[in-house]
């Protein structure tokens, strides 16, 4: 009987020790998991602050934007590749249209069904541009409310697209027809340039089958201001000057002095763009 009591007592002691050890192990594991969770949280906060307030060192960026020029408009897509802490090389494709300073929209007051037209316009002049440039950092963002400032210089090729501008006119035969400017026909030229004969502009789709291509070069110099709170986001305003030259003079308007139509275009611009940044994997 005494041996039975001793055995029972030892079992109770060993069970208590085992339970205590298990409790301590569980408590230790719980503390370790809590510490790991806290470490992960601190790491996320650190990364969040770095993305929000730290220096922008993302390796890639992509954005889309729109541009207003002193002589037209454009829309573009841009892809950037970081080369160093301060330098980003970027590629850009843009499509836009140039306007002549003499373009003034008119309308036929006798009809509400006709489209407004531009008197004396000979061609729409569109451009498809592809180029490469660099952004050079001159002022980093000190905090999330700061602005990153870059100098940009950029250049590339340009394909000018001349699309004949059509008007709907009341021709000499008494019919309403869509007509483009024809310098080789004196009668057509008179009708095209007679406001009393013009009903309005023809449809936008008219003339695309007659587009001619004029090659050229373009470049720009400017400054870019990125105000995004997070470095992984692109929210930028750009201002600067741009220049374009083409292989011949561009006949946008019908003019007596053909020198009025330019071969070289120079002006200012302002653009805005939005996108994202990331690191390559």
C-alpha atoms as a PDB file:
ATOM      1  CA  UNK A   1       0.000   0.000   0.000  1.00  0.00           C
ATOM      2  CA  UNK A   2       2.884   2.331   0.870  1.00  0.00           C
ATOM      3  CA  UNK A   3       4.444   1.702  -2.568  1.00  0.00           C
ATOM      4  CA  UNK A   4       1.144   2.569  -4.198  1.00  0.00           C
ATOM      5  CA  UNK A   5       0.990   5.895  -2.355  1.00  0.00           C
ATOM      6  CA  UNK A   6       4.583   6.699  -3.326  1.00  0.00           C
ATOM      7  CA  UNK A   7       3.912   5.855  -6.965  1.00  0.00           C
ATOM      8  CA  UNK A   8       0.778   8.017  -6.972  1.00  0.00           C
ATOM      9  CA  UNK A   9       2.654  10.918  -5.373  1.00  0.00           C
ATOM     10  CA  UNK A  10       5.491  10.717  -7.921  1.00  0.00           C
ATOM     11  CA  UNK A  11       2.956  10.669 -10.750  1.00  0.00           C
ATOM     12  CA  UNK A  12       1.317  13.809  -9.389  1.00  0.00           C
ATOM     13  CA  UNK A  13       4.664  15.595  -9.066  1.00  0.00           C
ATOM     14  CA  UNK A  14       5.797  14.604 -12.547  1.00  0.00           C
ATOM     15  CA  UNK A  15       2.398  15.631 -14.015  1.00  0.00           C
ATOM     16  CA  UNK A  16       2.641  19.022 -12.336  1.00  0.00           C
ATOM     17  CA  UNK A  17       6.152  19.540 -13.649  1.00  0.00           C
ATOM     18  CA  UNK A  18       5.044  18.550 -17.158  1.00  0.00           C
ATOM     19  CA  UNK A  19       2.045  20.894 -17.014  1.00  0.00           C
ATOM     20  CA  UNK A  20       4.261  23.751 -15.803  1.00  0.00           C
ATOM     21  CA  UNK A  21       6.757  23.101 -18.578  1.00  0.00           C
ATOM     22  CA  UNK A  22       3.958  23.009 -21.176  1.00  0.00           C
ATOM     23  CA  UNK A  23       2.481  26.239 -19.800  1.00  0.00           C
ATOM     24  CA  UNK A  24       5.863  27.954 -19.908  1.00  0.00           C
ATOM     25  CA  UNK A  25       6.454  26.713 -23.468  1.00  0.00           C
ATOM     26  CA  UNK A  26       3.009  27.920 -24.571  1.00  0.00           C
ATOM     27  CA  UNK A  27       3.558  31.273 -22.887  1.00  0.00           C
ATOM     28  CA  UNK A  28       6.999  31.541 -24.483  1.00  0.00           C
ATOM     29  CA  UNK A  29       5.602  30.689 -27.937  1.00  0.00           C
ATOM     30  CA  UNK A  30       2.847  33.243 -27.488  1.00  0.00           C
ATOM     31  CA  UNK A  31       5.385  35.914 -26.555  1.00  0.00           C
ATOM     32  CA  UNK A  32       7.531  34.990 -29.568  1.00  0.00           C
ATOM     33  CA  UNK A  33       4.558  35.211 -31.914  1.00  0.00           C
ATOM     34  CA  UNK A  34       3.576  38.549 -30.401  1.00  0.00           C
ATOM     35  CA  UNK A  35       7.128  39.823 -30.850  1.00  0.00           C
ATOM     36  CA  UNK A  36       7.192  38.621 -34.463  1.00  0.00           C
ATOM     37  CA  UNK A  37       3.844  40.292 -35.119  1.00  0.00           C
ATOM     38  CA  UNK A  38       5.156  43.522 -33.602  1.00  0.00           C
ATOM     39  CA  UNK A  39       8.293  43.304 -35.756  1.00  0.00           C
ATOM     40  CA  UNK A  40       6.193  42.862 -38.901  1.00  0.00           C
ATOM     41  CA  UNK A  41       4.048  45.832 -37.908  1.00  0.00           C
ATOM     42  CA  UNK A  42       7.104  48.031 -37.333  1.00  0.00           C
ATOM     43  CA  UNK A  43       8.534  46.922 -40.665  1.00  0.00           C
ATOM     44  CA  UNK A  44       5.296  47.841 -42.452  1.00  0.00           C
ATOM     45  CA  UNK A  45       5.301  51.241 -40.746  1.00  0.00           C
ATOM     46  CA  UNK A  46       8.930  51.743 -41.762  1.00  0.00           C
ATOM     47  CA  UNK A  47       8.185  50.861 -45.392  1.00  0.00           C
ATOM     48  CA  UNK A  48       5.072  53.062 -45.339  1.00  0.00           C
ATOM     49  CA  UNK A  49       7.088  56.024 -44.061  1.00  0.00           C
ATOM     50  CA  UNK A  50       9.822  55.359 -46.608  1.00  0.00           C
ATOM     51  CA  UNK A  51       7.284  55.296 -49.434  1.00  0.00           C
ATOM     52  CA  UNK A  52       5.589  58.407 -48.108  1.00  0.00           C
ATOM     53  CA  UNK A  53       8.482  60.588 -47.012  1.00  0.00           C
ATOM     54  CA  UNK A  54      11.748  58.970 -48.066  1.00  0.00           C
ATOM     55  CA  UNK A  55      13.802  59.492 -51.179  1.00  0.00           C
ATOM     56  CA  UNK A  56      12.274  58.196 -54.399  1.00  0.00           C
ATOM     57  CA  UNK A  57      14.439  55.281 -55.588  1.00  0.00           C
ATOM     58  CA  UNK A  58      11.868  53.185 -57.448  1.00  0.00           C
ATOM     59  CA  UNK A  59      13.382  51.569 -60.543  1.00  0.00           C
ATOM     60  CA  UNK A  60      10.430  51.843 -62.935  1.00  0.00           C
ATOM     61  CA  UNK A  61       7.558  54.244 -63.573  1.00  0.00           C
ATOM     62  CA  UNK A  62       4.656  54.454 -66.009  1.00  0.00           C
ATOM     63  CA  UNK A  63       2.277  57.354 -66.538  1.00  0.00           C
ATOM     64  CA  UNK A  64      -0.251  58.842 -68.947  1.00  0.00           C
ATOM     65  CA  UNK A  65      -0.962  62.513 -69.436  1.00  0.00           C
ATOM     66  CA  UNK A  66      -2.200  65.421 -71.504  1.00  0.00           C
ATOM     67  CA  UNK A  67      -0.383  68.475 -72.830  1.00  0.00           C
ATOM     68  CA  UNK A  68      -1.518  71.957 -73.847  1.00  0.00           C
ATOM     69  CA  UNK A  69       0.846  73.731 -76.235  1.00  0.00           C
ATOM     70  CA  UNK A  70       0.753  77.348 -77.303  1.00  0.00           C
ATOM     71  CA  UNK A  71      -0.073  75.992 -80.775  1.00  0.00           C
ATOM     72  CA  UNK A  72      -2.126  72.877 -80.069  1.00  0.00           C
ATOM     73  CA  UNK A  73      -2.658  69.885 -77.806  1.00  0.00           C
ATOM     74  CA  UNK A  74      -1.380  66.342 -77.217  1.00  0.00           C
ATOM     75  CA  UNK A  75      -1.818  63.167 -75.186  1.00  0.00           C
ATOM     76  CA  UNK A  76       1.016  60.833 -74.223  1.00  0.00           C
ATOM     77  CA  UNK A  77       2.206  57.690 -72.448  1.00  0.00           C
ATOM     78  CA  UNK A  78       5.579  57.536 -70.683  1.00  0.00           C
ATOM     79  CA  UNK A  79       7.829  54.752 -69.365  1.00  0.00           C
ATOM     80  CA  UNK A  80      10.801  55.544 -67.093  1.00  0.00           C
ATOM     81  CA  UNK A  81      13.916  53.540 -66.105  1.00  0.00           C
ATOM     82  CA  UNK A  82      16.042  54.715 -63.184  1.00  0.00           C
ATOM     83  CA  UNK A  83      19.753  54.891 -64.026  1.00  0.00           C
ATOM     84  CA  UNK A  84      21.047  56.430 -60.793  1.00  0.00           C
ATOM     85  CA  UNK A  85      19.840  58.151 -57.642  1.00  0.00           C
ATOM     86  CA  UNK A  86      19.298  61.406 -59.544  1.00  0.00           C
ATOM     87  CA  UNK A  87      18.764  60.320 -63.149  1.00  0.00           C
ATOM     88  CA  UNK A  88      15.816  58.616 -64.844  1.00  0.00           C
ATOM     89  CA  UNK A  89      15.789  57.804 -68.566  1.00  0.00           C
ATOM     90  CA  UNK A  90      12.302  57.760 -70.055  1.00  0.00           C
ATOM     91  CA  UNK A  91      10.599  56.933 -73.344  1.00  0.00           C
ATOM     92  CA  UNK A  92       7.482  58.740 -74.495  1.00  0.00           C
ATOM     93  CA  UNK A  93       4.900  58.357 -77.255  1.00  0.00           C
ATOM     94  CA  UNK A  94       2.642  61.313 -77.992  1.00  0.00           C
ATOM     95  CA  UNK A  95      -0.186  62.031 -80.406  1.00  0.00           C
ATOM     96  CA  UNK A  96      -1.363  65.593 -80.914  1.00  0.00           C
ATOM     97  CA  UNK A  97      -2.497  68.330 -83.257  1.00  0.00           C
ATOM     98  CA  UNK A  98      -1.050  71.696 -84.167  1.00  0.00           C
ATOM     99  CA  UNK A  99      -3.207  74.737 -84.832  1.00  0.00           C
ATOM    100  CA  UNK A 100      -2.547  77.868 -86.844  1.00  0.00           C
ATOM    101  CA  UNK A 101      -2.958  81.201 -85.050  1.00  0.00           C
ATOM    102  CA  UNK A 102      -5.317  82.342 -87.840  1.00  0.00           C
ATOM    103  CA  UNK A 103      -7.850  79.585 -87.156  1.00  0.00           C
ATOM    104  CA  UNK A 104     -11.227  81.017 -86.151  1.00  0.00           C
ATOM    105  CA  UNK A 105     -14.398  78.957 -85.948  1.00  0.00           C
ATOM    106  CA  UNK A 106     -17.406  80.286 -87.853  1.00  0.00           C
ATOM    107  CA  UNK A 107     -20.955  79.029 -88.191  1.00  0.00           C
ATOM    108  CA  UNK A 108     -23.804  79.283 -90.670  1.00  0.00           C
ATOM    109  CA  UNK A 109     -26.410  81.346 -88.861  1.00  0.00           C
ATOM    110  CA  UNK A 110     -29.122  80.230 -91.262  1.00  0.00           C
ATOM    111  CA  UNK A 111     -29.021  76.576 -90.211  1.00  0.00           C
ATOM    112  CA  UNK A 112     -28.783  74.797 -86.866  1.00  0.00           C
ATOM    113  CA  UNK A 113     -27.988  71.445 -88.483  1.00  0.00           C
ATOM    114  CA  UNK A 114     -24.613  72.359 -89.988  1.00  0.00           C
ATOM    115  CA  UNK A 115     -21.285  72.069 -88.177  1.00  0.00           C
ATOM    116  CA  UNK A 116     -19.086  75.049 -87.255  1.00  0.00           C
ATOM    117  CA  UNK A 117     -16.149  75.394 -89.630  1.00  0.00           C
ATOM    118  CA  UNK A 118     -12.773  77.123 -89.872  1.00  0.00           C
ATOM    119  CA  UNK A 119     -12.663  79.476 -92.810  1.00  0.00           C
ATOM    120  CA  UNK A 120      -9.560  79.124 -94.973  1.00  0.00           C
ATOM    121  CA  UNK A 121      -8.297  75.922 -93.347  1.00  0.00           C
ATOM    122  CA  UNK A 122      -6.545  73.629 -95.822  1.00  0.00           C
ATOM    123  CA  UNK A 123      -5.320  70.700 -93.675  1.00  0.00           C
ATOM    124  CA  UNK A 124      -5.529  69.273 -90.199  1.00  0.00           C
ATOM    125  CA  UNK A 125      -1.976  68.705 -88.963  1.00  0.00           C
ATOM    126  CA  UNK A 126      -1.529  65.816 -86.515  1.00  0.00           C
ATOM    127  CA  UNK A 127       1.734  64.461 -85.109  1.00  0.00           C
ATOM    128  CA  UNK A 128       2.780  61.030 -83.864  1.00  0.00           C
ATOM    129  CA  UNK A 129       5.959  61.486 -81.812  1.00  0.00           C
ATOM    130  CA  UNK A 130       8.377  58.984 -80.288  1.00  0.00           C
ATOM    131  CA  UNK A 131      11.349  60.071 -78.222  1.00  0.00           C
ATOM    132  CA  UNK A 132      13.742  59.481 -75.343  1.00  0.00           C
ATOM    133  CA  UNK A 133      14.781  61.868 -72.591  1.00  0.00           C
ATOM    134  CA  UNK A 134      16.141  62.187 -69.083  1.00  0.00           C
ATOM    135  CA  UNK A 135      14.866  63.581 -65.829  1.00  0.00           C
ATOM    136  CA  UNK A 136      17.561  64.958 -63.520  1.00  0.00           C
ATOM    137  CA  UNK A 137      16.687  65.503 -59.855  1.00  0.00           C
ATOM    138  CA  UNK A 138      17.480  68.983 -58.527  1.00  0.00           C
ATOM    139  CA  UNK A 139      15.205  69.006 -55.478  1.00  0.00           C
ATOM    140  CA  UNK A 140      14.005  65.998 -53.496  1.00  0.00           C
ATOM    141  CA  UNK A 141      10.805  65.747 -51.469  1.00  0.00           C
ATOM    142  CA  UNK A 142      11.608  66.485 -47.823  1.00  0.00           C
ATOM    143  CA  UNK A 143       8.297  65.084 -46.548  1.00  0.00           C
ATOM    144  CA  UNK A 144       4.947  63.816 -47.754  1.00  0.00           C
ATOM    145  CA  UNK A 145       3.756  67.369 -48.423  1.00  0.00           C
ATOM    146  CA  UNK A 146       6.898  68.265 -50.358  1.00  0.00           C
ATOM    147  CA  UNK A 147       7.451  68.507 -54.113  1.00  0.00           C
ATOM    148  CA  UNK A 148      10.094  66.672 -56.139  1.00  0.00           C
ATOM    149  CA  UNK A 149      11.642  68.923 -58.806  1.00  0.00           C
ATOM    150  CA  UNK A 150      13.385  67.613 -61.934  1.00  0.00           C
ATOM    151  CA  UNK A 151      14.948  69.186 -65.005  1.00  0.00           C
ATOM    152  CA  UNK A 152      13.922  67.334 -68.184  1.00  0.00           C
ATOM    153  CA  UNK A 153      15.525  67.257 -71.627  1.00  0.00           C
ATOM    154  CA  UNK A 154      14.049  65.165 -74.395  1.00  0.00           C
ATOM    155  CA  UNK A 155      14.080  64.597 -78.174  1.00  0.00           C
ATOM    156  CA  UNK A 156      13.032  62.214 -80.903  1.00  0.00           C
ATOM    157  CA  UNK A 157      11.362  61.687 -84.258  1.00  0.00           C
ATOM    158  CA  UNK A 158       8.001  63.025 -85.367  1.00  0.00           C
ATOM    159  CA  UNK A 159       5.675  61.872 -88.132  1.00  0.00           C
ATOM    160  CA  UNK A 160       3.481  64.742 -89.271  1.00  0.00           C
ATOM    161  CA  UNK A 161       0.110  63.663 -90.664  1.00  0.00           C
ATOM    162  CA  UNK A 162      -1.594  66.060 -93.082  1.00  0.00           C
ATOM    163  CA  UNK A 163      -5.325  65.329 -93.442  1.00  0.00           C
ATOM    164  CA  UNK A 164      -7.253  67.436 -95.977  1.00  0.00           C
ATOM    165  CA  UNK A 165      -9.875  69.663 -94.350  1.00  0.00           C
ATOM    166  CA  UNK A 166     -13.290  69.280 -95.988  1.00  0.00           C
ATOM    167  CA  UNK A 167     -16.171  71.740 -96.092  1.00  0.00           C
ATOM    168  CA  UNK A 168     -19.761  71.131 -97.120  1.00  0.00           C
ATOM    169  CA  UNK A 169     -20.442  73.761 -99.790  1.00  0.00           C
ATOM    170  CA  UNK A 170     -23.090  74.842-102.285  1.00  0.00           C
ATOM    171  CA  UNK A 171     -21.088  74.404-105.496  1.00  0.00           C
ATOM    172  CA  UNK A 172     -21.431  76.085-108.899  1.00  0.00           C
ATOM    173  CA  UNK A 173     -23.728  73.278-110.095  1.00  0.00           C
ATOM    174  CA  UNK A 174     -26.211  74.103-107.342  1.00  0.00           C
ATOM    175  CA  UNK A 175     -25.491  70.936-105.327  1.00  0.00           C
ATOM    176  CA  UNK A 176     -24.354  70.553-101.729  1.00  0.00           C
ATOM    177  CA  UNK A 177     -21.077  68.602-101.756  1.00  0.00           C
ATOM    178  CA  UNK A 178     -18.096  67.942 -99.485  1.00  0.00           C
ATOM    179  CA  UNK A 179     -15.054  69.735-100.878  1.00  0.00           C
ATOM    180  CA  UNK A 180     -11.388  70.185 -99.994  1.00  0.00           C
ATOM    181  CA  UNK A 181      -9.171  73.041-101.128  1.00  0.00           C
ATOM    182  CA  UNK A 182      -7.866  72.486-104.665  1.00  0.00           C
ATOM    183  CA  UNK A 183      -5.251  75.064-105.733  1.00  0.00           C
ATOM    184  CA  UNK A 184      -5.248  73.617-109.252  1.00  0.00           C
ATOM    185  CA  UNK A 185      -8.915  74.505-109.834  1.00  0.00           C
ATOM    186  CA  UNK A 186      -9.828  78.184-109.849  1.00  0.00           C
ATOM    187  CA  UNK A 187     -13.565  77.454-109.643  1.00  0.00           C
ATOM    188  CA  UNK A 188     -13.171  75.083-106.663  1.00  0.00           C
ATOM    189  CA  UNK A 189     -10.902  77.559-104.908  1.00  0.00           C
ATOM    190  CA  UNK A 190     -13.452  80.352-105.290  1.00  0.00           C
ATOM    191  CA  UNK A 191     -16.235  78.204-103.830  1.00  0.00           C
ATOM    192  CA  UNK A 192     -14.043  76.957-100.952  1.00  0.00           C
ATOM    193  CA  UNK A 193     -13.136  80.548-100.015  1.00  0.00           C
ATOM    194  CA  UNK A 194     -16.599  82.064-100.435  1.00  0.00           C
ATOM    195  CA  UNK A 195     -18.404  82.259 -97.043  1.00  0.00           C
ATOM    196  CA  UNK A 196     -21.742  82.603 -98.852  1.00  0.00           C
ATOM    197  CA  UNK A 197     -21.232  79.159-100.407  1.00  0.00           C
ATOM    198  CA  UNK A 198     -20.199  77.351 -97.209  1.00  0.00           C
ATOM    199  CA  UNK A 199     -22.794  75.317 -95.328  1.00  0.00           C
ATOM    200  CA  UNK A 200     -20.422  74.051 -92.617  1.00  0.00           C
ATOM    201  CA  UNK A 201     -17.636  71.591 -91.900  1.00  0.00           C
ATOM    202  CA  UNK A 202     -17.794  68.075 -93.331  1.00  0.00           C
ATOM    203  CA  UNK A 203     -17.668  65.060 -90.993  1.00  0.00           C
ATOM    204  CA  UNK A 204     -14.515  64.307 -88.962  1.00  0.00           C
ATOM    205  CA  UNK A 205     -14.012  61.029 -90.847  1.00  0.00           C
ATOM    206  CA  UNK A 206     -13.696  62.796 -94.188  1.00  0.00           C
ATOM    207  CA  UNK A 207     -10.162  62.873 -95.605  1.00  0.00           C
ATOM    208  CA  UNK A 208      -8.452  60.111 -93.598  1.00  0.00           C
ATOM    209  CA  UNK A 209      -7.930  58.103 -96.767  1.00  0.00           C
ATOM    210  CA  UNK A 210      -5.869  60.987 -98.196  1.00  0.00           C
ATOM    211  CA  UNK A 211      -3.431  61.498 -95.310  1.00  0.00           C
ATOM    212  CA  UNK A 212       0.143  62.342 -96.305  1.00  0.00           C
ATOM    213  CA  UNK A 213       3.170  61.873 -94.031  1.00  0.00           C
ATOM    214  CA  UNK A 214       5.797  64.541 -93.359  1.00  0.00           C
ATOM    215  CA  UNK A 215       8.814  63.358 -91.288  1.00  0.00           C
ATOM    216  CA  UNK A 216      10.475  65.585 -88.731  1.00  0.00           C
ATOM    217  CA  UNK A 217      12.326  65.939 -85.441  1.00  0.00           C
ATOM    218  CA  UNK A 218      11.231  67.348 -82.084  1.00  0.00           C
ATOM    219  CA  UNK A 219      12.720  68.230 -78.716  1.00  0.00           C
ATOM    220  CA  UNK A 220      11.859  69.931 -75.455  1.00  0.00           C
ATOM    221  CA  UNK A 221      13.412  71.356 -72.312  1.00  0.00           C
ATOM    222  CA  UNK A 222      11.479  71.907 -69.113  1.00  0.00           C
ATOM    223  CA  UNK A 223      10.917  71.354 -65.407  1.00  0.00           C
ATOM    224  CA  UNK A 224       8.739  68.762 -63.729  1.00  0.00           C
ATOM    225  CA  UNK A 225       7.060  69.049 -60.316  1.00  0.00           C
ATOM    226  CA  UNK A 226       5.798  65.854 -58.654  1.00  0.00           C
ATOM    227  CA  UNK A 227       3.565  66.521 -55.627  1.00  0.00           C
ATOM    228  CA  UNK A 228       2.317  62.952 -54.909  1.00  0.00           C
ATOM    229  CA  UNK A 229       2.229  62.073 -51.173  1.00  0.00           C
ATOM    230  CA  UNK A 230       3.547  58.580 -51.901  1.00  0.00           C
ATOM    231  CA  UNK A 231       6.709  57.935 -53.884  1.00  0.00           C
ATOM    232  CA  UNK A 232       5.098  54.958 -55.613  1.00  0.00           C
ATOM    233  CA  UNK A 233       2.533  57.323 -57.205  1.00  0.00           C
ATOM    234  CA  UNK A 234       3.186  59.738 -60.071  1.00  0.00           C
ATOM    235  CA  UNK A 235       1.265  63.038 -59.930  1.00  0.00           C
ATOM    236  CA  UNK A 236       3.264  65.576 -61.869  1.00  0.00           C
ATOM    237  CA  UNK A 237       3.006  68.961 -63.576  1.00  0.00           C
ATOM    238  CA  UNK A 238       5.516  69.851 -66.287  1.00  0.00           C
ATOM    239  CA  UNK A 239       6.219  73.216 -67.922  1.00  0.00           C
ATOM    240  CA  UNK A 240       8.730  74.060 -70.613  1.00  0.00           C
ATOM    241  CA  UNK A 241       9.521  74.900 -74.232  1.00  0.00           C
ATOM    242  CA  UNK A 242       9.329  72.601 -77.249  1.00  0.00           C
ATOM    243  CA  UNK A 243      10.590  72.789 -80.831  1.00  0.00           C
ATOM    244  CA  UNK A 244       9.744  70.818 -83.987  1.00  0.00           C
ATOM    245  CA  UNK A 245      11.099  70.905 -87.517  1.00  0.00           C
ATOM    246  CA  UNK A 246       9.692  69.108 -90.554  1.00  0.00           C
ATOM    247  CA  UNK A 247      11.020  68.249 -93.991  1.00  0.00           C
ATOM    248  CA  UNK A 248       8.778  70.847 -95.663  1.00  0.00           C
ATOM    249  CA  UNK A 249       6.446  73.737 -94.849  1.00  0.00           C
ATOM    250  CA  UNK A 250       3.134  72.600 -93.399  1.00  0.00           C
ATOM    251  CA  UNK A 251       0.100  74.029 -95.275  1.00  0.00           C
ATOM    252  CA  UNK A 252      -2.436  74.328 -92.467  1.00  0.00           C
ATOM    253  CA  UNK A 253      -4.164  77.426 -93.853  1.00  0.00           C
ATOM    254  CA  UNK A 254      -4.881  78.756 -97.329  1.00  0.00           C
ATOM    255  CA  UNK A 255      -2.932  82.017 -97.475  1.00  0.00           C
ATOM    256  CA  UNK A 256      -1.773  84.419-100.161  1.00  0.00           C
ATOM    257  CA  UNK A 257       1.730  84.477 -98.704  1.00  0.00           C
ATOM    258  CA  UNK A 258       2.747  80.813 -98.463  1.00  0.00           C
ATOM    259  CA  UNK A 259       5.586  81.746 -96.088  1.00  0.00           C
ATOM    260  CA  UNK A 260       2.963  82.098 -93.375  1.00  0.00           C
ATOM    261  CA  UNK A 261       2.798  78.312 -93.168  1.00  0.00           C
ATOM    262  CA  UNK A 262       5.717  77.079 -91.084  1.00  0.00           C
ATOM    263  CA  UNK A 263       8.350  74.400 -91.319  1.00  0.00           C
ATOM    264  CA  UNK A 264       9.766  75.105 -87.844  1.00  0.00           C
ATOM    265  CA  UNK A 265       7.498  75.290 -84.777  1.00  0.00           C
ATOM    266  CA  UNK A 266       8.559  76.695 -81.412  1.00  0.00           C
ATOM    267  CA  UNK A 267       6.437  77.372 -78.340  1.00  0.00           C
ATOM    268  CA  UNK A 268       5.645  76.709 -74.706  1.00  0.00           C
ATOM    269  CA  UNK A 269       3.672  73.925 -73.065  1.00  0.00           C
ATOM    270  CA  UNK A 270       2.182  72.744 -69.806  1.00  0.00           C
ATOM    271  CA  UNK A 271       1.335  69.086 -69.140  1.00  0.00           C
ATOM    272  CA  UNK A 272      -0.093  66.985 -66.345  1.00  0.00           C
ATOM    273  CA  UNK A 273       0.386  63.247 -65.832  1.00  0.00           C
ATOM    274  CA  UNK A 274      -0.556  60.447 -63.448  1.00  0.00           C
ATOM    275  CA  UNK A 275       0.822  56.963 -62.956  1.00  0.00           C
ATOM    276  CA  UNK A 276       2.717  54.590 -60.648  1.00  0.00           C
ATOM    277  CA  UNK A 277       6.247  53.451 -59.753  1.00  0.00           C
ATOM    278  CA  UNK A 278       7.594  50.040 -58.792  1.00  0.00           C
ATOM    279  CA  UNK A 279      10.767  48.007 -58.422  1.00  0.00           C
ATOM    280  CA  UNK A 280      11.619  45.330 -60.960  1.00  0.00           C
ATOM    281  CA  UNK A 281      11.539  41.780 -59.634  1.00  0.00           C
END
